Amino acid sequence: MAGRQILPINYIERRAGSSYYWIYGKDVSVEFLSLFLHNKNWSMDRLCRAYEITEAEVYAAWSFYYDHREEIDRHVEEEEEATRRVHVDPNQRAEWLKWLEDQEPSDSTSGETREF
């Protein structure tokens, strides 16, 4: 077919210093939107209203996700792991703090206290 032209849809950006992909000009990442791909509790309308994005932007993000699925899934997994490391069960936290306290060398002669 002569004269055919491919028209890019420019809704996705990668910002300087970031490994994530974003809806252009918005603070909504493709990684985040990928979590809603098969979530029946979030309709397209609800998603668009909640995050002030258009249907075209959501579909562009999902399309981009499928083209870069391995990389984006890896980003999501890394974020989930980082979240698990930060959010510790309060009982585990108390045990960990007690253990840390027990490990701290005491220096009763100096009268100094140590702060972290």
Protein backbone atom coordinates (compact mmCIF):
# COMPACT_ATOMS: atom_id res chain seq x y z
CA MET A 1 0.00 0.00 0.00
CA ALA A 2 1.74 3.17 -1.21
CA GLY A 3 1.85 6.25 0.96
CA ARG A 4 1.24 4.37 4.18
CA GLN A 5 2.37 6.17 7.33
CA ILE A 6 2.72 4.79 10.84
CA LEU A 7 1.44 7.25 13.43
CA PRO A 8 2.93 6.89 16.89
CA ILE A 9 0.75 7.44 19.90
CA ASN A 10 2.85 9.44 22.35
CA TYR A 11 1.35 8.88 25.77
CA ILE A 12 4.31 7.18 27.47
CA GLU A 13 7.52 8.77 28.71
CA ARG A 14 10.61 7.70 30.62
CA ARG A 15 11.88 10.46 32.87
CA ALA A 16 15.50 11.31 33.44
CA GLY A 17 16.87 9.33 36.36
CA SER A 18 13.94 6.93 36.47
CA SER A 19 13.71 3.35 35.27
CA TYR A 20 9.91 3.55 35.26
CA TYR A 21 7.55 4.47 32.44
CA TRP A 22 4.96 7.17 32.98
CA ILE A 23 1.84 8.56 31.38
CA TYR A 24 3.24 11.68 29.71
CA GLY A 25 2.94 14.69 32.01
CA LYS A 26 1.21 12.76 34.78
CA ASP A 27 2.33 11.08 37.99
CA VAL A 28 0.87 7.72 37.02
CA SER A 29 3.25 4.97 35.98
CA VAL A 30 2.71 2.16 33.51
CA GLU A 31 3.91 -0.17 36.26
CA PHE A 32 1.08 1.04 38.51
CA LEU A 33 -1.55 0.81 35.79
CA SER A 34 -0.44 -2.73 34.93
CA LEU A 35 -1.81 -3.78 38.33
CA PHE A 36 -5.32 -2.86 37.18
CA LEU A 37 -5.21 -4.76 33.90
CA HIS A 38 -7.38 -7.66 35.11
CA ASN A 39 -8.85 -6.10 38.24
CA LYS A 40 -12.63 -6.36 37.95
CA ASN A 41 -13.13 -4.08 40.97
CA TRP A 42 -11.83 -1.09 39.01
CA SER A 43 -13.83 -0.06 35.95
CA MET A 44 -12.21 2.08 33.29
CA ASP A 45 -14.36 5.02 34.37
CA ARG A 46 -13.35 4.64 38.01
CA LEU A 47 -9.66 4.37 37.08
CA CYS A 48 -9.81 7.47 34.89
CA ARG A 49 -11.65 9.54 37.48
CA ALA A 50 -9.46 8.43 40.40
CA TYR A 51 -6.17 9.23 38.66
CA GLU A 52 -7.29 12.01 36.29
CA ILE A 53 -6.24 10.19 33.14
CA THR A 54 -8.06 9.43 29.91
CA GLU A 55 -9.12 6.05 28.54
CA ALA A 56 -6.65 6.53 25.70
CA GLU A 57 -3.84 7.00 28.23
CA VAL A 58 -4.84 3.84 30.11
CA TYR A 59 -5.04 1.77 26.94
CA ALA A 60 -1.71 3.17 25.74
CA ALA A 61 -0.13 2.19 29.06
CA TRP A 62 -1.58 -1.31 28.86
CA SER A 63 -0.45 -1.70 25.26
CA PHE A 64 3.02 -0.50 26.21
CA TYR A 65 2.97 -2.94 29.13
CA TYR A 66 2.40 -5.89 26.79
CA ASP A 67 5.33 -4.78 24.62
CA HIS A 68 7.61 -4.46 27.68
CA ARG A 69 6.01 -7.00 30.01
CA GLU A 70 9.17 -8.67 31.33
CA GLU A 71 10.84 -5.40 32.31
CA ILE A 72 7.71 -3.88 33.84
CA ASP A 73 6.86 -7.06 35.78
CA ARG A 74 10.40 -6.97 37.16
CA HIS A 75 9.89 -3.36 38.30
CA VAL A 76 6.63 -4.33 40.02
CA GLU A 77 8.28 -7.31 41.76
CA GLU A 78 11.16 -5.11 42.97
CA GLU A 79 8.68 -2.58 44.40
CA GLU A 80 6.70 -5.32 46.14
CA GLU A 81 9.90 -6.73 47.67
CA ALA A 82 10.97 -3.27 48.87
CA THR A 83 7.52 -2.77 50.42
CA ARG A 84 7.73 -6.13 52.21
CA ARG A 85 11.12 -5.18 53.67
CA VAL A 86 9.76 -1.88 55.01
CA HIS A 87 6.47 -3.16 56.40
CA VAL A 88 7.37 -5.51 59.22
CA ASP A 89 4.85 -7.12 61.54
CA PRO A 90 4.86 -5.10 64.82
CA ASN A 91 5.67 -8.23 66.84
CA GLN A 92 8.62 -9.00 64.59
CA ARG A 93 9.75 -5.39 64.84
CA ALA A 94 9.71 -5.54 68.66
CA GLU A 95 11.71 -8.79 68.59
CA TRP A 96 14.18 -7.31 66.13
CA LEU A 97 14.65 -4.15 68.24
CA LYS A 98 15.23 -6.26 71.36
CA TRP A 99 17.78 -8.36 69.50
CA LEU A 100 19.50 -5.21 68.26
CA GLU A 101 19.55 -3.79 71.76
CA ASP A 102 21.13 -6.99 73.05
CA GLN A 103 23.81 -6.78 70.34
CA GLU A 104 24.82 -3.25 71.18
CA PRO A 105 28.09 -3.14 73.11
CA SER A 106 27.67 -1.38 76.43
CA ASP A 107 30.20 1.16 77.48
CA SER A 108 29.27 1.95 81.04
CA THR A 109 32.57 3.70 81.77
CA SER A 110 32.19 6.52 79.26
CA GLY A 111 28.68 7.57 80.28
CA GLU A 112 27.90 8.12 76.61
CA THR A 113 24.68 6.96 75.01
CA ARG A 114 24.50 5.80 71.45
CA GLU A 115 21.83 7.01 69.04
CA PHE A 116 20.93 5.54 65.68
